[in-house]
Amino acid sequence: MRYDDLVLELAILGLLGDGPLHGYEIRRRLRAQMGLVTNVSFGSLYPALARLEASGDLVAIEAEPGGELLPSTGSLSGERAALKARRLVGTRSRRSKKVYRITEAGLAHFAELLNAAPANDDSRTFGLRWSFARHLSPAARLALLERRRAQLVQHLGDAAGTEGLDTYARSVVDHAADGVARDIAWLDDLIAAERAAGNPPAPIDRATPAPPSAPASPGV
């Protein structure tokens, strides 16, 4: 499965963990609440929902026209049977919404995706994972923050050399370095808060350099 598909599934399962939602509401929350996946279209959302339903991670149920959900039967097969029966008794004249509810299997899959440590946790996936950090253990939250900080320190070191650049190109590099330095400072605050809450400091990694000083220019 593509990495982007896994990211989208993580976001969907995380949102449904707070309660059932219909497709339009899932997309709205992805755009408004998690700007990191604002480009998601219905063309990618509904196939993702179909995959998750087929795998048993969620179940599609039916809502009354006013938005009230049908009573739960307590099982995946029961939900589907109840939905099929309701359609057979003549609800075609009453417009209803398809609503998605996470299952126990979906909760387990969400936890697996959330706790996975990708090789390259970019700003989009880090932000998504951190938005669900309340579901992580204290140690996992701290590990997520420190892993992201180490990546940003490396990025800042890679972009430190500006020799040979003209004024315009250097301004772009300096602007990017300023953003990375701000992100590192933000992560430092989050790490300090986690440790103050009782998380022990991680062992010192001697191979991880301290963030270099920002270039002396108006852009940083």
N, C-alpha and C. Protein backbone atom coordinates (compact mmCIF):
# COMPACT_ATOMS: atom_id res chain seq x y z
N MET A 1 0.84 -1.20 0.00
CA MET A 1 0.00 0.00 0.00
C MET A 1 0.88 1.26 0.00
N ARG A 2 0.45 2.27 -0.74
CA ARG A 2 1.23 3.50 -0.79
C ARG A 2 1.27 4.18 0.57
N TYR A 3 2.39 4.90 0.80
CA TYR A 3 2.56 5.59 2.07
C TYR A 3 1.45 6.61 2.28
N ASP A 4 1.04 7.35 1.23
CA ASP A 4 -0.02 8.35 1.37
C ASP A 4 -1.34 7.70 1.77
N ASP A 5 -1.59 6.48 1.29
CA ASP A 5 -2.82 5.78 1.67
C ASP A 5 -2.82 5.44 3.16
N LEU A 6 -1.65 5.03 3.68
CA LEU A 6 -1.54 4.72 5.10
C LEU A 6 -1.76 5.97 5.95
N VAL A 7 -1.24 7.11 5.49
CA VAL A 7 -1.43 8.37 6.21
C VAL A 7 -2.91 8.72 6.27
N LEU A 8 -3.60 8.57 5.13
CA LEU A 8 -5.03 8.90 5.08
C LEU A 8 -5.82 7.95 5.97
N GLU A 9 -5.48 6.69 5.97
CA GLU A 9 -6.19 5.74 6.82
C GLU A 9 -5.98 6.06 8.30
N LEU A 10 -4.77 6.45 8.65
CA LEU A 10 -4.50 6.86 10.03
C LEU A 10 -5.39 8.02 10.42
N ALA A 11 -5.50 9.01 9.54
CA ALA A 11 -6.32 10.19 9.83
C ALA A 11 -7.79 9.82 9.96
N ILE A 12 -8.30 8.98 9.06
CA ILE A 12 -9.71 8.58 9.11
C ILE A 12 -10.02 7.82 10.39
N LEU A 13 -9.20 6.84 10.71
CA LEU A 13 -9.44 6.04 11.90
C LEU A 13 -9.35 6.89 13.16
N GLY A 14 -8.41 7.84 13.17
CA GLY A 14 -8.29 8.72 14.33
C GLY A 14 -9.52 9.58 14.54
N LEU A 15 -10.07 10.10 13.45
CA LEU A 15 -11.28 10.91 13.56
C LEU A 15 -12.48 10.08 13.99
N LEU A 16 -12.60 8.89 13.43
CA LEU A 16 -13.73 8.03 13.78
C LEU A 16 -13.62 7.50 15.20
N GLY A 17 -12.43 7.54 15.76
CA GLY A 17 -12.28 7.12 17.16
C GLY A 17 -13.05 8.01 18.11
N ASP A 18 -13.38 9.22 17.67
CA ASP A 18 -14.14 10.15 18.51
C ASP A 18 -15.65 10.01 18.30
N GLY A 19 -16.05 9.18 17.34
CA GLY A 19 -17.48 8.99 17.10
C GLY A 19 -17.79 8.81 15.63
N PRO A 20 -18.97 8.26 15.29
CA PRO A 20 -19.35 8.03 13.89
C PRO A 20 -19.45 9.34 13.11
N LEU A 21 -19.08 9.28 11.82
CA LEU A 21 -19.13 10.44 10.94
C LEU A 21 -19.51 9.99 9.54
N HIS A 22 -20.15 10.89 8.79
CA HIS A 22 -20.39 10.58 7.39
C HIS A 22 -19.25 11.15 6.55
N GLY A 23 -19.18 10.74 5.30
CA GLY A 23 -18.05 11.07 4.45
C GLY A 23 -17.76 12.56 4.33
N TYR A 24 -18.81 13.36 4.17
CA TYR A 24 -18.62 14.80 4.02
C TYR A 24 -18.02 15.40 5.30
N GLU A 25 -18.47 14.90 6.45
CA GLU A 25 -17.96 15.42 7.71
C GLU A 25 -16.52 14.98 7.93
N ILE A 26 -16.18 13.77 7.51
CA ILE A 26 -14.79 13.32 7.62
C ILE A 26 -13.89 14.24 6.81
N ARG A 27 -14.30 14.52 5.58
CA ARG A 27 -13.49 15.39 4.72
C ARG A 27 -13.39 16.80 5.31
N ARG A 28 -14.51 17.31 5.83
CA ARG A 28 -14.49 18.65 6.41
C ARG A 28 -13.50 18.73 7.58
N ARG A 29 -13.51 17.71 8.42
CA ARG A 29 -12.61 17.72 9.58
C ARG A 29 -11.16 17.53 9.17
N LEU A 30 -10.93 16.73 8.13
CA LEU A 30 -9.57 16.58 7.62
C LEU A 30 -9.03 17.93 7.15
N ARG A 31 -9.90 18.72 6.53
CA ARG A 31 -9.48 20.02 6.00
C ARG A 31 -9.38 21.08 7.09
N ALA A 32 -10.34 21.10 8.01
CA ALA A 32 -10.41 22.17 9.01
C ALA A 32 -9.59 21.87 10.26
N GLN A 33 -9.61 20.62 10.68
CA GLN A 33 -8.97 20.24 11.94
C GLN A 33 -7.54 19.76 11.73
N MET A 34 -7.25 19.22 10.56
CA MET A 34 -5.93 18.68 10.26
C MET A 34 -5.51 19.20 8.90
N GLY A 35 -5.08 20.43 8.85
CA GLY A 35 -4.72 21.05 7.58
C GLY A 35 -3.64 20.32 6.82
N LEU A 36 -3.00 19.34 7.49
CA LEU A 36 -1.92 18.60 6.85
C LEU A 36 -2.42 17.73 5.71
N VAL A 37 -3.69 17.43 5.67
CA VAL A 37 -4.23 16.59 4.61
C VAL A 37 -5.37 17.32 3.89
N THR A 38 -5.22 18.62 3.71
CA THR A 38 -6.28 19.42 3.11
C THR A 38 -6.52 19.07 1.65
N ASN A 39 -5.56 18.45 0.98
CA ASN A 39 -5.72 18.15 -0.44
C ASN A 39 -6.51 16.87 -0.69
N VAL A 40 -6.96 16.22 0.37
CA VAL A 40 -7.70 14.97 0.17
C VAL A 40 -9.00 15.25 -0.58
N SER A 41 -9.26 14.43 -1.59
CA SER A 41 -10.48 14.59 -2.40
C SER A 41 -11.40 13.43 -2.12
N PHE A 42 -12.66 13.55 -2.54
CA PHE A 42 -13.58 12.45 -2.39
C PHE A 42 -13.11 11.25 -3.22
N GLY A 43 -12.35 11.54 -4.28
CA GLY A 43 -11.82 10.47 -5.12
C GLY A 43 -10.80 9.60 -4.40
N SER A 44 -10.17 10.13 -3.36
CA SER A 44 -9.25 9.32 -2.55
C SER A 44 -9.86 8.94 -1.21
N LEU A 45 -10.80 9.77 -0.71
CA LEU A 45 -11.42 9.48 0.58
C LEU A 45 -12.30 8.23 0.53
N TYR A 46 -13.20 8.17 -0.45
CA TYR A 46 -14.14 7.05 -0.46
C TYR A 46 -13.47 5.70 -0.77
N PRO A 47 -12.47 5.64 -1.64
CA PRO A 47 -11.75 4.36 -1.76
C PRO A 47 -11.07 3.95 -0.46
N ALA A 48 -10.55 4.93 0.29
CA ALA A 48 -9.94 4.61 1.59
C ALA A 48 -10.99 4.07 2.56
N LEU A 49 -12.16 4.70 2.58
CA LEU A 49 -13.25 4.21 3.44
C LEU A 49 -13.68 2.80 3.03
N ALA A 50 -13.72 2.55 1.72
CA ALA A 50 -14.09 1.22 1.24
C ALA A 50 -13.06 0.17 1.66
N ARG A 51 -11.77 0.52 1.58
CA ARG A 51 -10.73 -0.41 2.00
C ARG A 51 -10.85 -0.74 3.49
N LEU A 52 -11.07 0.29 4.28
CA LEU A 52 -11.18 0.10 5.72
C LEU A 52 -12.42 -0.71 6.08
N GLU A 53 -13.51 -0.49 5.33
CA GLU A 53 -14.72 -1.28 5.58
C GLU A 53 -14.50 -2.73 5.19
N ALA A 54 -13.84 -2.96 4.05
CA ALA A 54 -13.59 -4.33 3.60
C ALA A 54 -12.69 -5.09 4.56
N SER A 55 -11.77 -4.39 5.19
CA SER A 55 -10.85 -5.04 6.13
C SER A 55 -11.44 -5.21 7.52
N GLY A 56 -12.66 -4.67 7.74
CA GLY A 56 -13.31 -4.79 9.03
C GLY A 56 -12.91 -3.72 10.03
N ASP A 57 -12.18 -2.68 9.58
CA ASP A 57 -11.76 -1.61 10.48
C ASP A 57 -12.87 -0.62 10.78
N LEU A 58 -13.84 -0.56 9.91
CA LEU A 58 -15.01 0.29 10.16
C LEU A 58 -16.22 -0.37 9.53
N VAL A 59 -17.38 0.10 9.92
CA VAL A 59 -18.63 -0.41 9.37
C VAL A 59 -19.47 0.78 8.93
N ALA A 60 -20.14 0.63 7.78
CA ALA A 60 -21.03 1.68 7.28
C ALA A 60 -22.42 1.42 7.85
N ILE A 61 -22.97 2.42 8.50
CA ILE A 61 -24.31 2.31 9.05
C ILE A 61 -25.16 3.42 8.43
N GLU A 62 -26.42 3.41 8.77
CA GLU A 62 -27.33 4.38 8.16
C GLU A 62 -27.87 5.34 9.20
N ALA A 63 -27.97 6.60 8.84
CA ALA A 63 -28.53 7.62 9.72
C ALA A 63 -29.92 8.01 9.23
N GLU A 64 -30.78 8.38 10.16
CA GLU A 64 -32.08 8.91 9.79
C GLU A 64 -31.88 10.26 9.08
N PRO A 65 -32.84 10.70 8.28
CA PRO A 65 -32.70 11.97 7.56
C PRO A 65 -32.31 13.13 8.45
N GLY A 66 -32.74 13.15 9.69
CA GLY A 66 -32.40 14.24 10.59
C GLY A 66 -30.99 14.14 11.15
N GLY A 67 -30.29 13.05 10.81
CA GLY A 67 -28.92 12.90 11.28
C GLY A 67 -28.77 11.92 12.42
N GLU A 68 -29.90 11.36 12.93
CA GLU A 68 -29.83 10.43 14.05
C GLU A 68 -29.41 9.06 13.55
N LEU A 69 -28.45 8.43 14.22
CA LEU A 69 -27.97 7.13 13.80
C LEU A 69 -28.97 6.05 14.18
N LEU A 70 -29.02 4.99 13.35
CA LEU A 70 -29.81 3.83 13.70
C LEU A 70 -29.18 3.13 14.89
N PRO A 71 -29.97 2.48 15.74
CA PRO A 71 -29.40 1.78 16.89
C PRO A 71 -28.38 0.74 16.46
N SER A 72 -27.31 0.61 17.24
CA SER A 72 -26.27 -0.36 16.94
C SER A 72 -26.72 -1.75 17.34
N THR A 73 -26.36 -2.75 16.52
CA THR A 73 -26.69 -4.14 16.83
C THR A 73 -25.60 -4.79 17.66
N GLY A 74 -24.45 -4.16 17.73
CA GLY A 74 -23.36 -4.70 18.54
C GLY A 74 -22.41 -5.61 17.80
N SER A 75 -22.63 -5.84 16.52
CA SER A 75 -21.71 -6.68 15.75
C SER A 75 -21.65 -6.19 14.32
N LEU A 76 -20.52 -6.49 13.64
CA LEU A 76 -20.34 -6.06 12.26
C LEU A 76 -21.39 -6.70 11.35
N SER A 77 -21.60 -8.02 11.49
CA SER A 77 -22.58 -8.68 10.63
C SER A 77 -23.99 -8.19 10.93
N GLY A 78 -24.26 -7.89 12.21
CA GLY A 78 -25.58 -7.38 12.58
C GLY A 78 -25.86 -6.02 12.00
N GLU A 79 -24.82 -5.16 11.98
CA GLU A 79 -24.97 -3.82 11.41
C GLU A 79 -25.34 -3.92 9.93
N ARG A 80 -24.64 -4.79 9.21
CA ARG A 80 -24.89 -4.93 7.78
C ARG A 80 -26.27 -5.52 7.51
N ALA A 81 -26.66 -6.51 8.33
CA ALA A 81 -27.97 -7.13 8.15
C ALA A 81 -29.09 -6.13 8.42
N ALA A 82 -28.91 -5.31 9.46
CA ALA A 82 -29.93 -4.32 9.80
C ALA A 82 -30.06 -3.28 8.69
N LEU A 83 -28.92 -2.88 8.13
CA LEU A 83 -28.94 -1.89 7.06
C LEU A 83 -29.63 -2.46 5.82
N LYS A 84 -29.31 -3.73 5.50
CA LYS A 84 -29.93 -4.37 4.33
C LYS A 84 -31.44 -4.51 4.52
N ALA A 85 -31.84 -4.92 5.72
CA ALA A 85 -33.27 -5.09 5.99
C ALA A 85 -34.02 -3.78 5.89
N ARG A 86 -33.41 -2.71 6.38
CA ARG A 86 -34.08 -1.40 6.34
C ARG A 86 -34.28 -0.93 4.92
N ARG A 87 -33.29 -1.21 4.08
CA ARG A 87 -33.42 -0.81 2.69
C ARG A 87 -34.52 -1.61 2.00
N LEU A 88 -34.67 -2.88 2.38
CA LEU A 88 -35.67 -3.73 1.74
C LEU A 88 -37.10 -3.35 2.09
N VAL A 89 -37.31 -2.71 3.24
CA VAL A 89 -38.68 -2.38 3.64
C VAL A 89 -39.14 -1.02 3.12
N GLY A 90 -38.35 -0.44 2.25
CA GLY A 90 -38.86 0.74 1.56
C GLY A 90 -38.43 2.07 2.13
N THR A 91 -37.16 2.28 2.26
CA THR A 91 -36.67 3.58 2.73
C THR A 91 -36.13 4.40 1.58
N ARG A 92 -36.36 3.96 0.36
CA ARG A 92 -35.79 4.67 -0.79
C ARG A 92 -36.33 6.09 -0.91
N SER A 93 -37.54 6.29 -0.44
CA SER A 93 -38.14 7.62 -0.57
C SER A 93 -37.62 8.59 0.48
N ARG A 94 -36.90 8.06 1.46
CA ARG A 94 -36.38 8.93 2.52
C ARG A 94 -34.87 9.01 2.39
N ARG A 95 -34.37 10.17 2.13
CA ARG A 95 -32.95 10.35 1.92
C ARG A 95 -32.20 10.20 3.24
N SER A 96 -31.17 9.36 3.24
CA SER A 96 -30.38 9.13 4.45
C SER A 96 -28.90 9.25 4.12
N LYS A 97 -28.09 9.36 5.15
CA LYS A 97 -26.65 9.48 4.98
C LYS A 97 -25.96 8.20 5.41
N LYS A 98 -24.89 7.86 4.68
CA LYS A 98 -24.08 6.72 5.05
C LYS A 98 -23.07 7.19 6.09
N VAL A 99 -23.10 6.58 7.23
CA VAL A 99 -22.26 6.99 8.35
C VAL A 99 -21.30 5.86 8.67
N TYR A 100 -20.06 6.23 9.01
CA TYR A 100 -19.02 5.24 9.27
C TYR A 100 -18.70 5.21 10.76
N ARG A 101 -18.59 3.99 11.28
CA ARG A 101 -18.27 3.79 12.69
C ARG A 101 -17.07 2.87 12.79
N ILE A 102 -16.11 3.21 13.64
CA ILE A 102 -14.91 2.39 13.81
C ILE A 102 -15.26 1.13 14.62
N THR A 103 -14.55 0.04 14.33
CA THR A 103 -14.75 -1.22 15.03
C THR A 103 -13.58 -1.46 15.99
N GLU A 104 -13.67 -2.54 16.75
CA GLU A 104 -12.55 -2.90 17.63
C GLU A 104 -11.29 -3.17 16.82
N ALA A 105 -11.47 -3.83 15.67
CA ALA A 105 -10.33 -4.08 14.79
C ALA A 105 -9.75 -2.78 14.28
N GLY A 106 -10.62 -1.81 13.99
CA GLY A 106 -10.16 -0.50 13.53
C GLY A 106 -9.38 0.23 14.60
N LEU A 107 -9.82 0.14 15.85
CA LEU A 107 -9.09 0.77 16.95
C LEU A 107 -7.71 0.16 17.09
N ALA A 108 -7.62 -1.16 16.92
CA ALA A 108 -6.32 -1.82 17.01
C ALA A 108 -5.42 -1.41 15.84
N HIS A 109 -6.00 -1.29 14.64
CA HIS A 109 -5.23 -0.86 13.47
C HIS A 109 -4.75 0.58 13.63
N PHE A 110 -5.61 1.43 14.16
CA PHE A 110 -5.23 2.81 14.42
C PHE A 110 -4.04 2.88 15.37
N ALA A 111 -4.07 2.11 16.44
CA ALA A 111 -2.97 2.10 17.40
C ALA A 111 -1.68 1.62 16.74
N GLU A 112 -1.81 0.63 15.86
CA GLU A 112 -0.63 0.10 15.16
C GLU A 112 -0.01 1.16 14.25
N LEU A 113 -0.87 1.84 13.47
CA LEU A 113 -0.37 2.88 12.57
C LEU A 113 0.22 4.05 13.34
N LEU A 114 -0.43 4.43 14.43
CA LEU A 114 0.02 5.58 15.20
C LEU A 114 1.37 5.32 15.86
N ASN A 115 1.59 4.11 16.31
CA ASN A 115 2.81 3.78 17.03
C ASN A 115 3.96 3.39 16.11
N ALA A 116 3.68 3.23 14.81
CA ALA A 116 4.74 2.87 13.88
C ALA A 116 5.75 4.02 13.78
N ALA A 117 7.00 3.68 13.58
CA ALA A 117 8.05 4.69 13.46
C ALA A 117 8.57 4.71 12.03
N PRO A 118 7.99 5.55 11.16
CA PRO A 118 8.43 5.58 9.76
C PRO A 118 9.86 6.08 9.64
N ALA A 119 10.53 5.65 8.58
CA ALA A 119 11.92 6.05 8.37
C ALA A 119 12.04 7.55 8.15
N ASN A 120 11.05 8.14 7.52
CA ASN A 120 11.11 9.57 7.24
C ASN A 120 9.78 10.21 7.63
N ASP A 121 9.71 10.68 8.86
CA ASP A 121 8.48 11.27 9.38
C ASP A 121 8.47 12.76 9.01
N ASP A 122 7.90 13.12 7.86
CA ASP A 122 7.92 14.50 7.40
C ASP A 122 6.95 15.36 8.20
N SER A 123 6.90 16.64 7.87
CA SER A 123 6.09 17.58 8.64
C SER A 123 4.61 17.20 8.61
N ARG A 124 4.15 16.67 7.48
CA ARG A 124 2.74 16.31 7.38
C ARG A 124 2.41 15.14 8.30
N THR A 125 3.21 14.07 8.20
CA THR A 125 2.90 12.89 9.01
C THR A 125 3.20 13.12 10.48
N PHE A 126 4.23 13.90 10.78
CA PHE A 126 4.50 14.19 12.19
C PHE A 126 3.34 14.97 12.79
N GLY A 127 2.88 16.00 12.09
CA GLY A 127 1.77 16.80 12.60
C GLY A 127 0.52 15.97 12.81
N LEU A 128 0.27 15.02 11.90
CA LEU A 128 -0.90 14.16 12.03
C LEU A 128 -0.75 13.27 13.26
N ARG A 129 0.40 12.65 13.42
CA ARG A 129 0.62 11.79 14.59
C ARG A 129 0.53 12.59 15.89
N TRP A 130 1.09 13.79 15.88
CA TRP A 130 1.07 14.58 17.11
C TRP A 130 -0.35 15.03 17.44
N SER A 131 -1.19 15.24 16.44
CA SER A 131 -2.58 15.63 16.72
C SER A 131 -3.34 14.52 17.43
N PHE A 132 -2.85 13.28 17.31
CA PHE A 132 -3.45 12.14 18.01
C PHE A 132 -2.59 11.67 19.18
N ALA A 133 -1.68 12.52 19.65
CA ALA A 133 -0.70 12.10 20.65
C ALA A 133 -1.35 11.69 21.97
N ARG A 134 -2.59 12.12 22.21
CA ARG A 134 -3.24 11.72 23.46
C ARG A 134 -3.45 10.20 23.53
N HIS A 135 -3.40 9.54 22.37
CA HIS A 135 -3.57 8.09 22.34
C HIS A 135 -2.24 7.35 22.52
N LEU A 136 -1.14 8.06 22.58
CA LEU A 136 0.17 7.44 22.75
C LEU A 136 0.55 7.35 24.21
N SER A 137 1.42 6.42 24.54
CA SER A 137 1.96 6.36 25.89
C SER A 137 2.92 7.53 26.08
N PRO A 138 3.20 7.95 27.31
CA PRO A 138 4.16 9.04 27.53
C PRO A 138 5.51 8.78 26.86
N ALA A 139 6.01 7.55 26.96
CA ALA A 139 7.30 7.24 26.34
C ALA A 139 7.24 7.35 24.82
N ALA A 140 6.11 6.94 24.23
CA ALA A 140 5.96 7.02 22.78
C ALA A 140 5.84 8.47 22.32
N ARG A 141 5.18 9.31 23.11
CA ARG A 141 5.09 10.73 22.76
C ARG A 141 6.48 11.36 22.75
N LEU A 142 7.25 11.07 23.78
CA LEU A 142 8.59 11.64 23.87
C LEU A 142 9.47 11.14 22.73
N ALA A 143 9.36 9.86 22.40
CA ALA A 143 10.15 9.30 21.29
C ALA A 143 9.78 9.96 19.97
N LEU A 144 8.49 10.22 19.75
CA LEU A 144 8.03 10.88 18.53
C LEU A 144 8.63 12.28 18.42
N LEU A 145 8.60 13.03 19.51
CA LEU A 145 9.15 14.39 19.50
C LEU A 145 10.65 14.38 19.26
N GLU A 146 11.36 13.50 19.93
CA GLU A 146 12.82 13.49 19.82
C GLU A 146 13.26 13.00 18.44
N ARG A 147 12.50 12.06 17.86
CA ARG A 147 12.83 11.60 16.52
C ARG A 147 12.66 12.73 15.51
N ARG A 148 11.56 13.48 15.64
CA ARG A 148 11.33 14.59 14.72
C ARG A 148 12.39 15.69 14.91
N ARG A 149 12.77 15.96 16.16
CA ARG A 149 13.79 16.98 16.42
C ARG A 149 15.12 16.59 15.78
N ALA A 150 15.50 15.33 15.90
CA ALA A 150 16.76 14.88 15.30
C ALA A 150 16.74 15.05 13.78
N GLN A 151 15.58 14.78 13.15
CA GLN A 151 15.46 14.96 11.71
C GLN A 151 15.63 16.42 11.32
N LEU A 152 15.01 17.32 12.10
CA LEU A 152 15.10 18.74 11.77
C LEU A 152 16.51 19.27 11.99
N VAL A 153 17.20 18.79 13.02
CA VAL A 153 18.59 19.19 13.24
C VAL A 153 19.44 18.79 12.05
N GLN A 154 19.18 17.58 11.54
CA GLN A 154 19.92 17.13 10.36
C GLN A 154 19.63 18.00 9.16
N HIS A 155 18.35 18.35 8.95
CA HIS A 155 17.98 19.23 7.84
C HIS A 155 18.66 20.58 7.96
N LEU A 156 18.71 21.11 9.18
CA LEU A 156 19.31 22.41 9.39
C LEU A 156 20.81 22.35 9.09
N GLY A 157 21.45 21.27 9.48
CA GLY A 157 22.86 21.11 9.19
C GLY A 157 23.12 20.98 7.70
N ASP A 158 22.25 20.25 6.99
CA ASP A 158 22.42 20.08 5.54
C ASP A 158 22.28 21.39 4.79
N ALA A 159 21.47 22.32 5.33
CA ALA A 159 21.21 23.59 4.64
C ALA A 159 22.11 24.72 5.14
N ALA A 160 23.11 24.39 5.97
CA ALA A 160 23.91 25.45 6.59
C ALA A 160 24.80 26.16 5.58
N GLY A 161 25.29 25.47 4.58
CA GLY A 161 26.21 26.10 3.63
C GLY A 161 25.49 26.96 2.61
N THR A 162 25.82 28.23 2.57
CA THR A 162 25.19 29.15 1.61
C THR A 162 26.23 29.80 0.70
N GLU A 163 27.48 29.27 0.74
CA GLU A 163 28.52 29.84 -0.10
C GLU A 163 28.17 29.69 -1.58
N GLY A 164 28.44 30.72 -2.33
CA GLY A 164 28.21 30.68 -3.76
C GLY A 164 26.81 31.06 -4.18
N LEU A 165 25.91 31.30 -3.22
CA LEU A 165 24.55 31.68 -3.57
C LEU A 165 24.44 33.19 -3.72
N ASP A 166 23.60 33.61 -4.65
CA ASP A 166 23.38 35.06 -4.77
C ASP A 166 22.39 35.50 -3.70
N THR A 167 22.13 36.80 -3.65
CA THR A 167 21.28 37.36 -2.60
C THR A 167 19.90 36.73 -2.58
N TYR A 168 19.34 36.47 -3.75
CA TYR A 168 17.97 35.97 -3.82
C TYR A 168 17.90 34.50 -3.37
N ALA A 169 18.83 33.70 -3.88
CA ALA A 169 18.83 32.29 -3.50
C ALA A 169 19.13 32.14 -2.01
N ARG A 170 20.05 32.97 -1.50
CA ARG A 170 20.39 32.89 -0.08
C ARG A 170 19.19 33.26 0.79
N SER A 171 18.40 34.23 0.32
CA SER A 171 17.23 34.63 1.11
C SER A 171 16.24 33.48 1.27
N VAL A 172 16.12 32.65 0.23
CA VAL A 172 15.23 31.49 0.31
C VAL A 172 15.77 30.48 1.32
N VAL A 173 17.09 30.22 1.25
CA VAL A 173 17.71 29.27 2.18
C VAL A 173 17.59 29.77 3.61
N ASP A 174 17.84 31.06 3.81
CA ASP A 174 17.75 31.63 5.15
C ASP A 174 16.32 31.57 5.70
N HIS A 175 15.35 31.83 4.83
CA HIS A 175 13.96 31.76 5.26
C HIS A 175 13.59 30.34 5.69
N ALA A 176 14.03 29.35 4.90
CA ALA A 176 13.76 27.96 5.25
C ALA A 176 14.44 27.58 6.56
N ALA A 177 15.70 28.04 6.74
CA ALA A 177 16.44 27.74 7.97
C ALA A 177 15.76 28.35 9.18
N ASP A 178 15.20 29.54 9.00
CA ASP A 178 14.49 30.19 10.09
C ASP A 178 13.27 29.37 10.50
N GLY A 179 12.54 28.84 9.51
CA GLY A 179 11.38 28.02 9.82
C GLY A 179 11.76 26.74 10.55
N VAL A 180 12.86 26.10 10.12
CA VAL A 180 13.31 24.88 10.78
C VAL A 180 13.74 25.18 12.22
N ALA A 181 14.47 26.31 12.41
CA ALA A 181 14.90 26.68 13.76
C ALA A 181 13.71 26.93 14.68
N ARG A 182 12.66 27.55 14.14
CA ARG A 182 11.45 27.78 14.94
C ARG A 182 10.78 26.45 15.31
N ASP A 183 10.76 25.51 14.36
CA ASP A 183 10.17 24.20 14.64
C ASP A 183 10.97 23.47 15.72
N ILE A 184 12.29 23.58 15.68
CA ILE A 184 13.12 22.94 16.70
C ILE A 184 12.83 23.55 18.07
N ALA A 185 12.69 24.87 18.12
CA ALA A 185 12.39 25.54 19.39
C ALA A 185 11.02 25.09 19.92
N TRP A 186 10.06 24.94 19.02
CA TRP A 186 8.72 24.46 19.40
C TRP A 186 8.81 23.05 19.96
N LEU A 187 9.58 22.19 19.28
CA LEU A 187 9.75 20.82 19.76
C LEU A 187 10.46 20.79 21.11
N ASP A 188 11.42 21.68 21.31
CA ASP A 188 12.11 21.74 22.60
C ASP A 188 11.13 22.06 23.72
N ASP A 189 10.18 22.97 23.45
CA ASP A 189 9.17 23.29 24.46
C ASP A 189 8.27 22.09 24.75
N LEU A 190 7.89 21.36 23.70
CA LEU A 190 7.04 20.19 23.89
C LEU A 190 7.78 19.09 24.65
N ILE A 191 9.05 18.90 24.32
CA ILE A 191 9.85 17.88 25.00
C ILE A 191 10.00 18.24 26.48
N ALA A 192 10.25 19.53 26.74
CA ALA A 192 10.39 19.97 28.14
C ALA A 192 9.10 19.74 28.90
N ALA A 193 7.95 19.99 28.25
CA ALA A 193 6.67 19.78 28.92
C ALA A 193 6.43 18.31 29.20
N GLU A 194 6.79 17.44 28.25
CA GLU A 194 6.63 16.01 28.47
C GLU A 194 7.50 15.53 29.63
N ARG A 195 8.72 16.02 29.68
CA ARG A 195 9.62 15.60 30.76
C ARG A 195 9.16 16.14 32.10
N ALA A 196 8.62 17.36 32.09
CA ALA A 196 8.11 17.93 33.34
C ALA A 196 6.91 17.13 33.84
N ALA A 197 6.20 16.47 32.91
CA ALA A 197 5.04 15.67 33.30
C ALA A 197 5.44 14.29 33.82
N GLY A 198 6.74 14.02 33.83
CA GLY A 198 7.19 12.76 34.40
C GLY A 198 7.91 11.83 33.46
N ASN A 199 8.12 12.24 32.20
CA ASN A 199 8.85 11.41 31.27
C ASN A 199 10.34 11.58 31.48
N PRO A 200 11.09 10.50 31.65
CA PRO A 200 12.53 10.63 31.86
C PRO A 200 13.23 11.07 30.59
N PRO A 201 14.35 11.77 30.72
CA PRO A 201 15.10 12.15 29.52
C PRO A 201 15.65 10.94 28.81
N ALA A 202 15.72 11.01 27.48
CA ALA A 202 16.27 9.91 26.70
C ALA A 202 17.78 9.90 26.84
N PRO A 203 18.42 8.73 26.62
CA PRO A 203 19.89 8.69 26.64
C PRO A 203 20.47 9.65 25.63
N ILE A 204 21.57 10.27 25.95
CA ILE A 204 22.19 11.25 25.07
C ILE A 204 22.79 10.53 23.87
N ASP A 205 22.44 10.99 22.68
CA ASP A 205 23.01 10.43 21.45
C ASP A 205 24.17 11.31 21.04
N ARG A 206 25.37 10.82 21.25
CA ARG A 206 26.56 11.62 20.94
C ARG A 206 26.71 11.88 19.45
N ALA A 207 26.03 11.07 18.63
CA ALA A 207 26.15 11.26 17.18
C ALA A 207 25.23 12.34 16.66
N THR A 208 24.30 12.81 17.48
CA THR A 208 23.36 13.85 17.04
C THR A 208 23.91 15.22 17.40
N PRO A 209 24.26 16.04 16.42
CA PRO A 209 24.84 17.35 16.72
C PRO A 209 23.81 18.31 17.26
N ALA A 210 24.26 19.28 17.99
CA ALA A 210 23.37 20.35 18.44
C ALA A 210 23.02 21.20 17.25
N PRO A 211 21.86 21.83 17.25
CA PRO A 211 21.48 22.66 16.09
C PRO A 211 22.46 23.79 15.90
N PRO A 212 22.97 23.97 14.68
CA PRO A 212 23.93 25.05 14.44
C PRO A 212 23.28 26.40 14.56
N SER A 213 24.08 27.40 14.78
CA SER A 213 23.57 28.77 14.87
C SER A 213 23.00 29.16 13.51
N ALA A 214 21.92 29.89 13.55
CA ALA A 214 21.31 30.34 12.30
C ALA A 214 22.23 31.32 11.61
N PRO A 215 22.24 31.32 10.27
CA PRO A 215 23.08 32.27 9.54
C PRO A 215 22.78 33.70 9.94
N ALA A 216 23.81 34.50 10.00
CA ALA A 216 23.65 35.91 10.41
C ALA A 216 23.17 36.70 9.21
N SER A 217 21.87 36.78 9.06
CA SER A 217 21.27 37.54 7.98
C SER A 217 19.89 37.98 8.40
N PRO A 218 19.31 38.96 7.73
CA PRO A 218 17.99 39.45 8.11
C PRO A 218 16.92 38.37 8.03
N GLY A 219 17.15 37.30 7.20
CA GLY A 219 16.12 36.30 7.04
C GLY A 219 16.07 35.30 8.15
N VAL A 220 17.02 35.27 9.07
CA VAL A 220 17.03 34.27 10.13
C VAL A 220 17.09 34.94 11.48
